[in-house]
Amino acid sequence: MRMLLHVTLPPEPFNSMLREGSVGETITRILEATKPEAAYFTEHSGSRGAVLVVQVDHASEIPALAEPWFLSFEADCEFRIAMTPEDLKRSNLEDLGRKY
């Protein structure tokens, strides 16, 4: 299932890694290991952040996606299920609307 992984990066250790020149290498290593479908870097509530589109077939895959961010950056990670328009069409919304 497609999920959005929202990563919030606190100022430390990110600032220290940025100053020493290792932040880019660390992010590249994480992205190469986790292979997101897409990755966007943005801000989250005033902090550095990222939104990654990832494929999760089993809940047991979540630690492999989150731990690199936790361990490297002491980041906060949130997962949200994402549907394509085709997924939404298959959800039988009309039937649910009639039922409830």
PDB file of N, CA and C in Angstrom:
ATOM      1  N   MET A   1       0.846  -1.160   0.000  1.00  0.00           N
ATOM      2  CA  MET A   1       0.000   0.000   0.000  1.00  0.00           C
ATOM      3  C   MET A   1       0.899   1.232   0.000  1.00  0.00           C
ATOM      4  N   ARG A   2       0.452   2.246  -0.712  1.00  0.00           N
ATOM      5  CA  ARG A   2       1.214   3.491  -0.786  1.00  0.00           C
ATOM      6  C   ARG A   2       0.967   4.301   0.477  1.00  0.00           C
ATOM      7  N   MET A   3       2.067   4.813   1.042  1.00  0.00           N
ATOM      8  CA  MET A   3       1.962   5.639   2.235  1.00  0.00           C
ATOM      9  C   MET A   3       2.814   6.883   2.067  1.00  0.00           C
ATOM     10  N   LEU A   4       2.416   7.935   2.782  1.00  0.00           N
ATOM     11  CA  LEU A   4       3.226   9.146   2.868  1.00  0.00           C
ATOM     12  C   LEU A   4       3.969   9.088   4.184  1.00  0.00           C
ATOM     13  N   LEU A   5       5.271   9.247   4.116  1.00  0.00           N
ATOM     14  CA  LEU A   5       6.106   9.309   5.313  1.00  0.00           C
ATOM     15  C   LEU A   5       6.490  10.771   5.495  1.00  0.00           C
ATOM     16  N   HIS A   6       5.961  11.385   6.552  1.00  0.00           N
ATOM     17  CA  HIS A   6       6.282  12.776   6.891  1.00  0.00           C
ATOM     18  C   HIS A   6       7.416  12.748   7.909  1.00  0.00           C
ATOM     19  N   VAL A   7       8.517  13.393   7.565  1.00  0.00           N
ATOM     20  CA  VAL A   7       9.697  13.433   8.430  1.00  0.00           C
ATOM     21  C   VAL A   7       9.905  14.872   8.891  1.00  0.00           C
ATOM     22  N   THR A   8      10.000  15.078  10.187  1.00  0.00           N
ATOM     23  CA  THR A   8      10.320  16.392  10.745  1.00  0.00           C
ATOM     24  C   THR A   8      11.705  16.305  11.367  1.00  0.00           C
ATOM     25  N   LEU A   9      12.602  17.171  10.888  1.00  0.00           N
ATOM     26  CA  LEU A   9      14.003  17.146  11.308  1.00  0.00           C
ATOM     27  C   LEU A   9      14.252  18.266  12.308  1.00  0.00           C
ATOM     28  N   PRO A  10      14.603  17.927  13.548  1.00  0.00           N
ATOM     29  CA  PRO A  10      14.879  18.970  14.535  1.00  0.00           C
ATOM     30  C   PRO A  10      16.195  19.692  14.198  1.00  0.00           C
ATOM     31  N   PRO A  11      16.394  20.888  14.751  1.00  0.00           N
ATOM     32  CA  PRO A  11      17.622  21.632  14.444  1.00  0.00           C
ATOM     33  C   PRO A  11      18.906  20.849  14.737  1.00  0.00           C
ATOM     34  N   GLU A  12      18.923  20.125  15.826  1.00  0.00           N
ATOM     35  CA  GLU A  12      20.089  19.289  16.140  1.00  0.00           C
ATOM     36  C   GLU A  12      19.665  17.831  16.136  1.00  0.00           C
ATOM     37  N   PRO A  13      20.443  16.981  15.514  1.00  0.00           N
ATOM     38  CA  PRO A  13      21.818  17.172  15.055  1.00  0.00           C
ATOM     39  C   PRO A  13      21.959  17.702  13.628  1.00  0.00           C
ATOM     40  N   PHE A  14      20.851  18.056  12.956  1.00  0.00           N
ATOM     41  CA  PHE A  14      20.926  18.488  11.556  1.00  0.00           C
ATOM     42  C   PHE A  14      21.904  19.646  11.369  1.00  0.00           C
ATOM     43  N   ASN A  15      21.813  20.705  12.208  1.00  0.00           N
ATOM     44  CA  ASN A  15      22.694  21.867  12.043  1.00  0.00           C
ATOM     45  C   ASN A  15      24.165  21.476  12.145  1.00  0.00           C
ATOM     46  N   SER A  16      24.486  20.643  13.103  1.00  0.00           N
ATOM     47  CA  SER A  16      25.887  20.216  13.273  1.00  0.00           C
ATOM     48  C   SER A  16      26.355  19.403  12.072  1.00  0.00           C
ATOM     49  N   MET A  17      25.503  18.522  11.579  1.00  0.00           N
ATOM     50  CA  MET A  17      25.864  17.714  10.411  1.00  0.00           C
ATOM     51  C   MET A  17      26.011  18.602   9.178  1.00  0.00           C
ATOM     52  N   LEU A  18      25.168  19.605   9.062  1.00  0.00           N
ATOM     53  CA  LEU A  18      25.255  20.536   7.943  1.00  0.00           C
ATOM     54  C   LEU A  18      26.587  21.289   7.974  1.00  0.00           C
ATOM     55  N   ARG A  19      26.954  21.772   9.153  1.00  0.00           N
ATOM     56  CA  ARG A  19      28.212  22.512   9.302  1.00  0.00           C
ATOM     57  C   ARG A  19      29.441  21.647   9.003  1.00  0.00           C
ATOM     58  N   GLU A  20      29.370  20.381   9.389  1.00  0.00           N
ATOM     59  CA  GLU A  20      30.521  19.498   9.156  1.00  0.00           C
ATOM     60  C   GLU A  20      30.514  18.881   7.760  1.00  0.00           C
ATOM     61  N   GLY A  21      29.416  19.084   7.018  1.00  0.00           N
ATOM     62  CA  GLY A  21      29.358  18.621   5.639  1.00  0.00           C
ATOM     63  C   GLY A  21      28.871  17.207   5.427  1.00  0.00           C
ATOM     64  N   SER A  22      28.243  16.592   6.418  1.00  0.00           N
ATOM     65  CA  SER A  22      27.817  15.198   6.272  1.00  0.00           C
ATOM     66  C   SER A  22      26.319  15.020   6.042  1.00  0.00           C
ATOM     67  N   VAL A  23      25.534  16.100   6.112  1.00  0.00           N
ATOM     68  CA  VAL A  23      24.086  15.958   6.031  1.00  0.00           C
ATOM     69  C   VAL A  23      23.634  15.432   4.668  1.00  0.00           C
ATOM     70  N   GLY A  24      24.214  15.926   3.600  1.00  0.00           N
ATOM     71  CA  GLY A  24      23.818  15.472   2.263  1.00  0.00           C
ATOM     72  C   GLY A  24      24.106  14.004   2.042  1.00  0.00           C
ATOM     73  N   GLU A  25      25.273  13.576   2.483  1.00  0.00           N
ATOM     74  CA  GLU A  25      25.656  12.170   2.362  1.00  0.00           C
ATOM     75  C   GLU A  25      24.705  11.277   3.163  1.00  0.00           C
ATOM     76  N   THR A  26      24.331  11.725   4.346  1.00  0.00           N
ATOM     77  CA  THR A  26      23.433  10.937   5.193  1.00  0.00           C
ATOM     78  C   THR A  26      22.058  10.820   4.560  1.00  0.00           C
ATOM     79  N   ILE A  27      21.523  11.923   4.062  1.00  0.00           N
ATOM     80  CA  ILE A  27      20.211  11.880   3.406  1.00  0.00           C
ATOM     81  C   ILE A  27      20.259  10.991   2.176  1.00  0.00           C
ATOM     82  N   THR A  28      21.319  11.118   1.374  1.00  0.00           N
ATOM     83  CA  THR A  28      21.464  10.275   0.181  1.00  0.00           C
ATOM     84  C   THR A  28      21.496   8.802   0.556  1.00  0.00           C
ATOM     85  N   ARG A  29      22.232   8.471   1.602  1.00  0.00           N
ATOM     86  CA  ARG A  29      22.337   7.070   2.047  1.00  0.00           C
ATOM     87  C   ARG A  29      20.964   6.533   2.469  1.00  0.00           C
ATOM     88  N   ILE A  30      20.193   7.349   3.193  1.00  0.00           N
ATOM     89  CA  ILE A  30      18.859   6.924   3.628  1.00  0.00           C
ATOM     90  C   ILE A  30      17.950   6.718   2.418  1.00  0.00           C
ATOM     91  N   LEU A  31      17.963   7.658   1.481  1.00  0.00           N
ATOM     92  CA  LEU A  31      17.101   7.545   0.303  1.00  0.00           C
ATOM     93  C   LEU A  31      17.481   6.345  -0.559  1.00  0.00           C
ATOM     94  N   GLU A  32      18.762   6.072  -0.698  1.00  0.00           N
ATOM     95  CA  GLU A  32      19.189   4.903  -1.472  1.00  0.00           C
ATOM     96  C   GLU A  32      18.758   3.600  -0.802  1.00  0.00           C
ATOM     97  N   ALA A  33      18.769   3.580   0.513  1.00  0.00           N
ATOM     98  CA  ALA A  33      18.389   2.368   1.240  1.00  0.00           C
ATOM     99  C   ALA A  33      16.879   2.141   1.237  1.00  0.00           C
ATOM    100  N   THR A  34      16.106   3.224   1.341  1.00  0.00           N
ATOM    101  CA  THR A  34      14.651   3.083   1.482  1.00  0.00           C
ATOM    102  C   THR A  34      13.911   3.162   0.147  1.00  0.00           C
ATOM    103  N   LYS A  35      14.546   3.696  -0.870  1.00  0.00           N
ATOM    104  CA  LYS A  35      13.992   3.743  -2.222  1.00  0.00           C
ATOM    105  C   LYS A  35      12.554   4.279  -2.291  1.00  0.00           C
ATOM    106  N   PRO A  36      12.321   5.512  -1.840  1.00  0.00           N
ATOM    107  CA  PRO A  36      10.965   6.057  -1.950  1.00  0.00           C
ATOM    108  C   PRO A  36      10.592   6.268  -3.409  1.00  0.00           C
ATOM    109  N   GLU A  37       9.308   6.195  -3.682  1.00  0.00           N
ATOM    110  CA  GLU A  37       8.788   6.475  -5.023  1.00  0.00           C
ATOM    111  C   GLU A  37       9.041   7.941  -5.382  1.00  0.00           C
ATOM    112  N   ALA A  38       8.933   8.811  -4.386  1.00  0.00           N
ATOM    113  CA  ALA A  38       9.197  10.238  -4.554  1.00  0.00           C
ATOM    114  C   ALA A  38       9.639  10.798  -3.208  1.00  0.00           C
ATOM    115  N   ALA A  39      10.406  11.879  -3.257  1.00  0.00           N
ATOM    116  CA  ALA A  39      10.862  12.547  -2.031  1.00  0.00           C
ATOM    117  C   ALA A  39      10.813  14.048  -2.252  1.00  0.00           C
ATOM    118  N   TYR A  40      10.178  14.745  -1.312  1.00  0.00           N
ATOM    119  CA  TYR A  40      10.055  16.194  -1.377  1.00  0.00           C
ATOM    120  C   TYR A  40      10.534  16.771  -0.050  1.00  0.00           C
ATOM    121  N   PHE A  41      11.374  17.778  -0.121  1.00  0.00           N
ATOM    122  CA  PHE A  41      11.887  18.411   1.088  1.00  0.00           C
ATOM    123  C   PHE A  41      11.197  19.749   1.259  1.00  0.00           C
ATOM    124  N   THR A  42      10.704  19.999   2.467  1.00  0.00           N
ATOM    125  CA  THR A  42       9.849  21.139   2.746  1.00  0.00           C
ATOM    126  C   THR A  42      10.011  21.520   4.208  1.00  0.00           C
ATOM    127  N   GLU A  43       9.069  22.277   4.731  1.00  0.00           N
ATOM    128  CA  GLU A  43       9.073  22.568   6.162  1.00  0.00           C
ATOM    129  C   GLU A  43       7.819  21.968   6.781  1.00  0.00           C
ATOM    130  N   HIS A  44       7.930  21.621   8.039  1.00  0.00           N
ATOM    131  CA  HIS A  44       6.806  21.113   8.827  1.00  0.00           C
ATOM    132  C   HIS A  44       6.733  21.956  10.088  1.00  0.00           C
ATOM    133  N   SER A  45       5.697  22.763  10.196  1.00  0.00           N
ATOM    134  CA  SER A  45       5.496  23.601  11.383  1.00  0.00           C
ATOM    135  C   SER A  45       6.748  24.398  11.752  1.00  0.00           C
ATOM    136  N   GLY A  46       7.399  24.939  10.737  1.00  0.00           N
ATOM    137  CA  GLY A  46       8.574  25.766  10.972  1.00  0.00           C
ATOM    138  C   GLY A  46       9.887  25.024  11.084  1.00  0.00           C
ATOM    139  N   SER A  47       9.872  23.702  10.978  1.00  0.00           N
ATOM    140  CA  SER A  47      11.100  22.907  11.031  1.00  0.00           C
ATOM    141  C   SER A  47      11.403  22.327   9.660  1.00  0.00           C
ATOM    142  N   ARG A  48      12.631  21.931   9.465  1.00  0.00           N
ATOM    143  CA  ARG A  48      12.966  21.229   8.223  1.00  0.00           C
ATOM    144  C   ARG A  48      12.164  19.939   8.154  1.00  0.00           C
ATOM    145  N   GLY A  49      11.788  19.566   6.946  1.00  0.00           N
ATOM    146  CA  GLY A  49      11.024  18.341   6.828  1.00  0.00           C
ATOM    147  C   GLY A  49      11.098  17.735   5.446  1.00  0.00           C
ATOM    148  N   ALA A  50      10.489  16.573   5.333  1.00  0.00           N
ATOM    149  CA  ALA A  50      10.423  15.861   4.060  1.00  0.00           C
ATOM    150  C   ALA A  50       9.100  15.097   4.011  1.00  0.00           C
ATOM    151  N   VAL A  51       8.630  14.883   2.800  1.00  0.00           N
ATOM    152  CA  VAL A  51       7.485  14.015   2.553  1.00  0.00           C
ATOM    153  C   VAL A  51       7.960  12.991   1.539  1.00  0.00           C
ATOM    154  N   LEU A  52       7.892  11.735   1.922  1.00  0.00           N
ATOM    155  CA  LEU A  52       8.329  10.649   1.052  1.00  0.00           C
ATOM    156  C   LEU A  52       7.127   9.787   0.699  1.00  0.00           C
ATOM    157  N   VAL A  53       7.039   9.375  -0.533  1.00  0.00           N
ATOM    158  CA  VAL A  53       6.013   8.436  -0.965  1.00  0.00           C
ATOM    159  C   VAL A  53       6.674   7.068  -0.963  1.00  0.00           C
ATOM    160  N   VAL A  54       6.154   6.166  -0.128  1.00  0.00           N
ATOM    161  CA  VAL A  54       6.764   4.843   0.038  1.00  0.00           C
ATOM    162  C   VAL A  54       5.719   3.752  -0.154  1.00  0.00           C
ATOM    163  N   GLN A  55       6.192   2.582  -0.512  1.00  0.00           N
ATOM    164  CA  GLN A  55       5.335   1.412  -0.652  1.00  0.00           C
ATOM    165  C   GLN A  55       5.519   0.542   0.590  1.00  0.00           C
ATOM    166  N   VAL A  56       4.428   0.214   1.271  1.00  0.00           N
ATOM    167  CA  VAL A  56       4.477  -0.632   2.462  1.00  0.00           C
ATOM    168  C   VAL A  56       3.492  -1.776   2.263  1.00  0.00           C
ATOM    169  N   ASP A  57       4.032  -2.977   2.096  1.00  0.00           N
ATOM    170  CA  ASP A  57       3.176  -4.142   1.915  1.00  0.00           C
ATOM    171  C   ASP A  57       2.821  -4.809   3.238  1.00  0.00           C
ATOM    172  N   HIS A  58       3.711  -4.654   4.237  1.00  0.00           N
ATOM    173  CA  HIS A  58       3.492  -5.248   5.556  1.00  0.00           C
ATOM    174  C   HIS A  58       3.931  -4.242   6.620  1.00  0.00           C
ATOM    175  N   ALA A  59       3.227  -4.214   7.723  1.00  0.00           N
ATOM    176  CA  ALA A  59       3.565  -3.293   8.817  1.00  0.00           C
ATOM    177  C   ALA A  59       4.997  -3.495   9.294  1.00  0.00           C
ATOM    178  N   SER A  60       5.516  -4.695   9.139  1.00  0.00           N
ATOM    179  CA  SER A  60       6.881  -4.981   9.585  1.00  0.00           C
ATOM    180  C   SER A  60       7.936  -4.200   8.796  1.00  0.00           C
ATOM    181  N   GLU A  61       7.564  -3.580   7.685  1.00  0.00           N
ATOM    182  CA  GLU A  61       8.497  -2.789   6.874  1.00  0.00           C
ATOM    183  C   GLU A  61       8.677  -1.368   7.418  1.00  0.00           C
ATOM    184  N   ILE A  62       7.803  -0.937   8.298  1.00  0.00           N
ATOM    185  CA  ILE A  62       7.836   0.443   8.787  1.00  0.00           C
ATOM    186  C   ILE A  62       9.142   0.774   9.524  1.00  0.00           C
ATOM    187  N   PRO A  63       9.655  -0.072  10.403  1.00  0.00           N
ATOM    188  CA  PRO A  63      10.916   0.288  11.067  1.00  0.00           C
ATOM    189  C   PRO A  63      12.063   0.551  10.094  1.00  0.00           C
ATOM    190  N   ALA A  64      12.158  -0.208   9.014  1.00  0.00           N
ATOM    191  CA  ALA A  64      13.240   0.004   8.050  1.00  0.00           C
ATOM    192  C   ALA A  64      13.125   1.348   7.345  1.00  0.00           C
ATOM    193  N   LEU A  65      11.921   1.897   7.283  1.00  0.00           N
ATOM    194  CA  LEU A  65      11.715   3.211   6.678  1.00  0.00           C
ATOM    195  C   LEU A  65      11.927   4.351   7.675  1.00  0.00           C
ATOM    196  N   ALA A  66      11.563   4.133   8.928  1.00  0.00           N
ATOM    197  CA  ALA A  66      11.627   5.203   9.931  1.00  0.00           C
ATOM    198  C   ALA A  66      12.945   5.255  10.695  1.00  0.00           C
ATOM    199  N   GLU A  67      13.510   4.108  11.043  1.00  0.00           N
ATOM    200  CA  GLU A  67      14.702   4.086  11.892  1.00  0.00           C
ATOM    201  C   GLU A  67      15.880   4.886  11.341  1.00  0.00           C
ATOM    202  N   PRO A  68      16.137   4.862  10.029  1.00  0.00           N
ATOM    203  CA  PRO A  68      17.249   5.688   9.550  1.00  0.00           C
ATOM    204  C   PRO A  68      17.087   7.173   9.898  1.00  0.00           C
ATOM    205  N   TRP A  69      15.858   7.678   9.842  1.00  0.00           N
ATOM    206  CA  TRP A  69      15.598   9.080  10.195  1.00  0.00           C
ATOM    207  C   TRP A  69      15.704   9.286  11.698  1.00  0.00           C
ATOM    208  N   PHE A  70      15.157   8.334  12.479  1.00  0.00           N
ATOM    209  CA  PHE A  70      15.257   8.426  13.940  1.00  0.00           C
ATOM    210  C   PHE A  70      16.720   8.436  14.378  1.00  0.00           C
ATOM    211  N   LEU A  71      17.474   7.465  13.886  1.00  0.00           N
ATOM    212  CA  LEU A  71      18.845   7.275  14.359  1.00  0.00           C
ATOM    213  C   LEU A  71      19.811   8.336  13.834  1.00  0.00           C
ATOM    214  N   SER A  72      19.615   8.781  12.602  1.00  0.00           N
ATOM    215  CA  SER A  72      20.538   9.753  12.011  1.00  0.00           C
ATOM    216  C   SER A  72      20.253  11.184  12.431  1.00  0.00           C
ATOM    217  N   PHE A  73      18.954  11.512  12.588  1.00  0.00           N
ATOM    218  CA  PHE A  73      18.578  12.906  12.810  1.00  0.00           C
ATOM    219  C   PHE A  73      17.711  13.145  14.040  1.00  0.00           C
ATOM    220  N   GLU A  74      17.393  12.080  14.783  1.00  0.00           N
ATOM    221  CA  GLU A  74      16.449  12.205  15.898  1.00  0.00           C
ATOM    222  C   GLU A  74      15.139  12.821  15.410  1.00  0.00           C
ATOM    223  N   ALA A  75      14.746  12.431  14.205  1.00  0.00           N
ATOM    224  CA  ALA A  75      13.573  12.981  13.532  1.00  0.00           C
ATOM    225  C   ALA A  75      12.279  12.387  14.084  1.00  0.00           C
ATOM    226  N   ASP A  76      11.194  13.085  13.822  1.00  0.00           N
ATOM    227  CA  ASP A  76       9.849  12.553  14.060  1.00  0.00           C
ATOM    228  C   ASP A  76       9.335  12.039  12.725  1.00  0.00           C
ATOM    229  N   CYS A  77       8.687  10.877  12.736  1.00  0.00           N
ATOM    230  CA  CYS A  77       8.154  10.279  11.517  1.00  0.00           C
ATOM    231  C   CYS A  77       6.677   9.956  11.705  1.00  0.00           C
ATOM    232  N   GLU A  78       5.887  10.288  10.704  1.00  0.00           N
ATOM    233  CA  GLU A  78       4.460   9.968  10.699  1.00  0.00           C
ATOM    234  C   GLU A  78       4.133   9.300   9.372  1.00  0.00           C
ATOM    235  N   PHE A  79       3.308   8.258   9.426  1.00  0.00           N
ATOM    236  CA  PHE A  79       2.892   7.537   8.226  1.00  0.00           C
ATOM    237  C   PHE A  79       1.413   7.776   7.980  1.00  0.00           C
ATOM    238  N   ARG A  80       1.063   8.026   6.740  1.00  0.00           N
ATOM    239  CA  ARG A  80      -0.331   8.208   6.354  1.00  0.00           C
ATOM    240  C   ARG A  80      -0.602   7.395   5.092  1.00  0.00           C
ATOM    241  N   ILE A  81      -1.701   6.665   5.086  1.00  0.00           N
ATOM    242  CA  ILE A  81      -2.097   5.920   3.896  1.00  0.00           C
ATOM    243  C   ILE A  81      -2.471   6.927   2.812  1.00  0.00           C
ATOM    244  N   ALA A  82      -2.071   6.643   1.585  1.00  0.00           N
ATOM    245  CA  ALA A  82      -2.386   7.513   0.454  1.00  0.00           C
ATOM    246  C   ALA A  82      -3.080   6.695  -0.628  1.00  0.00           C
ATOM    247  N   MET A  83      -4.162   7.255  -1.171  1.00  0.00           N
ATOM    248  CA  MET A  83      -4.893   6.588  -2.240  1.00  0.00           C
ATOM    249  C   MET A  83      -4.750   7.372  -3.535  1.00  0.00           C
ATOM    250  N   THR A  84      -4.645   6.628  -4.629  1.00  0.00           N
ATOM    251  CA  THR A  84      -4.702   7.238  -5.949  1.00  0.00           C
ATOM    252  C   THR A  84      -6.188   7.419  -6.308  1.00  0.00           C
ATOM    253  N   PRO A  85      -6.493   8.176  -7.344  1.00  0.00           N
ATOM    254  CA  PRO A  85      -7.897   8.267  -7.769  1.00  0.00           C
ATOM    255  C   PRO A  85      -8.497   6.892  -8.074  1.00  0.00           C
ATOM    256  N   GLU A  86      -7.688   5.992  -8.624  1.00  0.00           N
ATOM    257  CA  GLU A  86      -8.185   4.641  -8.915  1.00  0.00           C
ATOM    258  C   GLU A  86      -8.519   3.889  -7.627  1.00  0.00           C
ATOM    259  N   ASP A  87      -7.698   4.051  -6.593  1.00  0.00           N
ATOM    260  CA  ASP A  87      -7.986   3.430  -5.300  1.00  0.00           C
ATOM    261  C   ASP A  87      -9.311   3.941  -4.756  1.00  0.00           C
ATOM    262  N   LEU A  88      -9.519   5.224  -4.851  1.00  0.00           N
ATOM    263  CA  LEU A  88     -10.752   5.824  -4.341  1.00  0.00           C
ATOM    264  C   LEU A  88     -11.965   5.289  -5.093  1.00  0.00           C
ATOM    265  N   LYS A  89     -11.845   5.115  -6.410  1.00  0.00           N
ATOM    266  CA  LYS A  89     -12.949   4.561  -7.205  1.00  0.00           C
ATOM    267  C   LYS A  89     -13.317   3.153  -6.734  1.00  0.00           C
ATOM    268  N   ARG A  90     -12.307   2.354  -6.348  1.00  0.00           N
ATOM    269  CA  ARG A  90     -12.551   0.973  -5.906  1.00  0.00           C
ATOM    270  C   ARG A  90     -13.079   0.892  -4.474  1.00  0.00           C
ATOM    271  N   SER A  91     -13.196   2.013  -3.782  1.00  0.00           N
ATOM    272  CA  SER A  91     -13.561   1.982  -2.366  1.00  0.00           C
ATOM    273  C   SER A  91     -15.055   1.832  -2.107  1.00  0.00           C
ATOM    274  N   ASN A  92     -15.880   1.886  -3.143  1.00  0.00           N
ATOM    275  CA  ASN A  92     -17.337   1.736  -2.994  1.00  0.00           C
ATOM    276  C   ASN A  92     -17.945   2.813  -2.111  1.00  0.00           C
ATOM    277  N   LEU A  93     -17.527   4.043  -2.292  1.00  0.00           N
ATOM    278  CA  LEU A  93     -18.060   5.140  -1.482  1.00  0.00           C
ATOM    279  C   LEU A  93     -19.572   5.263  -1.588  1.00  0.00           C
ATOM    280  N   GLU A  94     -20.102   5.074  -2.790  1.00  0.00           N
ATOM    281  CA  GLU A  94     -21.552   5.206  -2.963  1.00  0.00           C
ATOM    282  C   GLU A  94     -22.307   4.185  -2.113  1.00  0.00           C
ATOM    283  N   ASP A  95     -21.820   2.947  -2.092  1.00  0.00           N
ATOM    284  CA  ASP A  95     -22.463   1.910  -1.273  1.00  0.00           C
ATOM    285  C   ASP A  95     -22.380   2.264   0.208  1.00  0.00           C
ATOM    286  N   LEU A  96     -21.235   2.781   0.635  1.00  0.00           N
ATOM    287  CA  LEU A  96     -21.091   3.180   2.033  1.00  0.00           C
ATOM    288  C   LEU A  96     -22.028   4.323   2.366  1.00  0.00           C
ATOM    289  N   GLY A  97     -22.177   5.253   1.430  1.00  0.00           N
ATOM    290  CA  GLY A  97     -23.076   6.380   1.649  1.00  0.00           C
ATOM    291  C   GLY A  97     -24.527   5.934   1.800  1.00  0.00           C
ATOM    292  N   ARG A  98     -24.917   4.969   1.009  1.00  0.00           N
ATOM    293  CA  ARG A  98     -26.297   4.454   1.114  1.00  0.00           C
ATOM    294  C   ARG A  98     -26.492   3.676   2.417  1.00  0.00           C
ATOM    295  N   LYS A  99     -25.466   2.966   2.831  1.00  0.00           N
ATOM    296  CA  LYS A  99     -25.563   2.124   4.022  1.00  0.00           C
ATOM    297  C   LYS A  99     -25.599   2.963   5.288  1.00  0.00           C
ATOM    298  N   TYR A 100     -24.815   4.048   5.343  1.00  0.00           N
ATOM    299  CA  TYR A 100     -24.723   4.835   6.572  1.00  0.00           C
ATOM    300  C   TYR A 100     -25.358   6.191   6.403  1.00  0.00           C
TER     301      TYR A 100
END
